[in-house]
Amino acid sequence: MARHPDESARAHVADLLLDLGARAAGCWWIAGTMLEQVAFVAGPTLPKEVVQGFAEATRSVPLTQTGLGIVRTAVEGTVTVSRTMELPADSGSGYWLRAFG
């Protein structure tokens, strides 16, 4: 029996999470002027409220919201490196990187 596409994407992202030893991993795609979340998987050490908050906040994001590394990567088509010391603590990737710990 074939998996639902969302389940397959989630399984691939979960494999990536394990392969990288990451705290979280996700996949998004560009839909018009928005970046749409396909799958997001968090490791067991992330607090549940952080996981839920990030998943919800990044479910559908305008491509103009370049304060998020995922958006900047999608728009520019290059790898984005985000460092907490270089980002505001109260918004975008700066906020989420601090929440992830």
Protein backbone atom coordinates (compact mmCIF):
# COMPACT_ATOMS: atom_id res chain seq x y z
CA MET A 1 0.00 0.00 0.00
CA ALA A 2 1.40 3.41 -0.98
CA ARG A 3 1.86 6.06 1.68
CA HIS A 4 0.05 9.37 1.56
CA PRO A 5 2.51 11.94 0.09
CA ASP A 6 2.62 13.86 3.38
CA GLU A 7 3.54 10.70 5.28
CA SER A 8 6.29 9.93 2.78
CA ALA A 9 7.72 13.45 3.06
CA ARG A 10 7.59 13.26 6.85
CA ALA A 11 9.39 9.89 6.78
CA HIS A 12 12.17 11.32 4.57
CA VAL A 13 12.55 14.36 6.83
CA ALA A 14 12.67 12.08 9.90
CA ASP A 15 15.44 10.06 8.22
CA LEU A 16 17.32 13.28 7.48
CA LEU A 17 16.97 14.35 11.11
CA LEU A 18 18.57 11.10 12.24
CA ASP A 19 21.29 11.12 9.57
CA LEU A 20 22.33 14.66 10.52
CA GLY A 21 21.93 14.20 14.26
CA ALA A 22 19.85 17.37 14.16
CA ARG A 23 17.46 18.75 16.75
CA ALA A 24 14.87 19.36 14.02
CA ALA A 25 14.47 19.15 10.25
CA GLY A 26 11.89 20.33 7.79
CA CYS A 27 10.88 20.64 4.18
CA TRP A 28 9.03 23.55 2.56
CA TRP A 29 8.03 24.41 -0.98
CA ILE A 30 7.26 27.66 -2.78
CA ALA A 31 3.58 28.13 -3.63
CA GLY A 32 3.14 31.46 -5.38
CA THR A 33 4.12 34.17 -2.89
CA MET A 34 4.20 31.80 0.09
CA LEU A 35 6.57 29.21 1.52
CA GLU A 36 4.46 26.21 2.53
CA GLN A 37 5.56 23.58 5.04
CA VAL A 38 5.54 20.05 3.64
CA ALA A 39 6.93 18.33 6.74
CA PHE A 40 8.58 19.25 10.03
CA VAL A 41 10.08 16.75 12.45
CA ALA A 42 11.63 17.55 15.82
CA GLY A 43 13.92 15.43 17.91
CA PRO A 44 12.87 14.27 21.37
CA THR A 45 14.89 16.90 23.26
CA LEU A 46 12.95 19.91 21.98
CA PRO A 47 10.19 21.13 24.28
CA LYS A 48 6.71 20.32 22.95
CA GLU A 49 5.59 23.96 23.06
CA VAL A 50 8.62 25.02 20.97
CA VAL A 51 7.94 22.27 18.41
CA GLN A 52 4.27 23.22 18.13
CA GLY A 53 5.04 26.94 17.99
CA PHE A 54 7.65 26.60 15.25
CA ALA A 55 5.54 24.19 13.21
CA GLU A 56 2.57 26.56 13.35
CA ALA A 57 4.63 29.72 12.73
CA THR A 58 6.26 28.21 9.63
CA ARG A 59 3.26 26.34 8.20
CA SER A 60 2.67 29.10 5.62
CA VAL A 61 5.06 32.05 5.44
CA PRO A 62 5.14 34.99 2.98
CA LEU A 63 8.27 35.02 0.83
CA THR A 64 8.80 38.60 2.00
CA GLN A 65 9.50 37.38 5.56
CA THR A 66 13.26 37.10 5.03
CA GLY A 67 13.97 37.29 8.75
CA LEU A 68 13.48 33.52 8.65
CA GLY A 69 16.38 31.52 7.26
CA ILE A 70 14.02 29.08 5.55
CA VAL A 71 12.52 31.94 3.55
CA ARG A 72 15.87 33.52 2.72
CA THR A 73 17.15 30.15 1.47
CA ALA A 74 14.06 29.64 -0.69
CA VAL A 75 14.17 33.15 -2.16
CA GLU A 76 17.93 33.31 -2.76
CA GLY A 77 18.41 29.65 -3.68
CA THR A 78 21.51 29.39 -1.51
CA VAL A 79 22.42 27.98 1.88
CA THR A 80 21.61 30.34 4.73
CA VAL A 81 23.62 30.26 7.93
CA SER A 82 21.88 31.87 10.90
CA ARG A 83 23.81 32.70 14.08
CA THR A 84 21.97 33.83 17.19
CA MET A 85 24.57 36.48 18.02
CA GLU A 86 23.89 38.17 14.67
CA LEU A 87 20.08 38.08 14.85
CA PRO A 88 17.41 39.88 16.90
CA ALA A 89 16.22 37.81 19.85
CA ASP A 90 12.55 38.67 19.48
CA SER A 91 11.74 37.65 15.90
CA GLY A 92 12.51 35.40 12.95
CA SER A 93 15.31 32.89 13.05
CA GLY A 94 16.93 34.63 16.01
CA TYR A 95 13.90 33.89 18.14
CA TRP A 96 13.53 30.28 16.99
CA LEU A 97 17.22 29.42 17.28
CA ARG A 98 17.18 30.60 20.88
CA ALA A 99 13.97 28.66 21.57
CA PHE A 100 15.53 25.51 20.09
CA GLY A 101 18.46 25.96 22.50
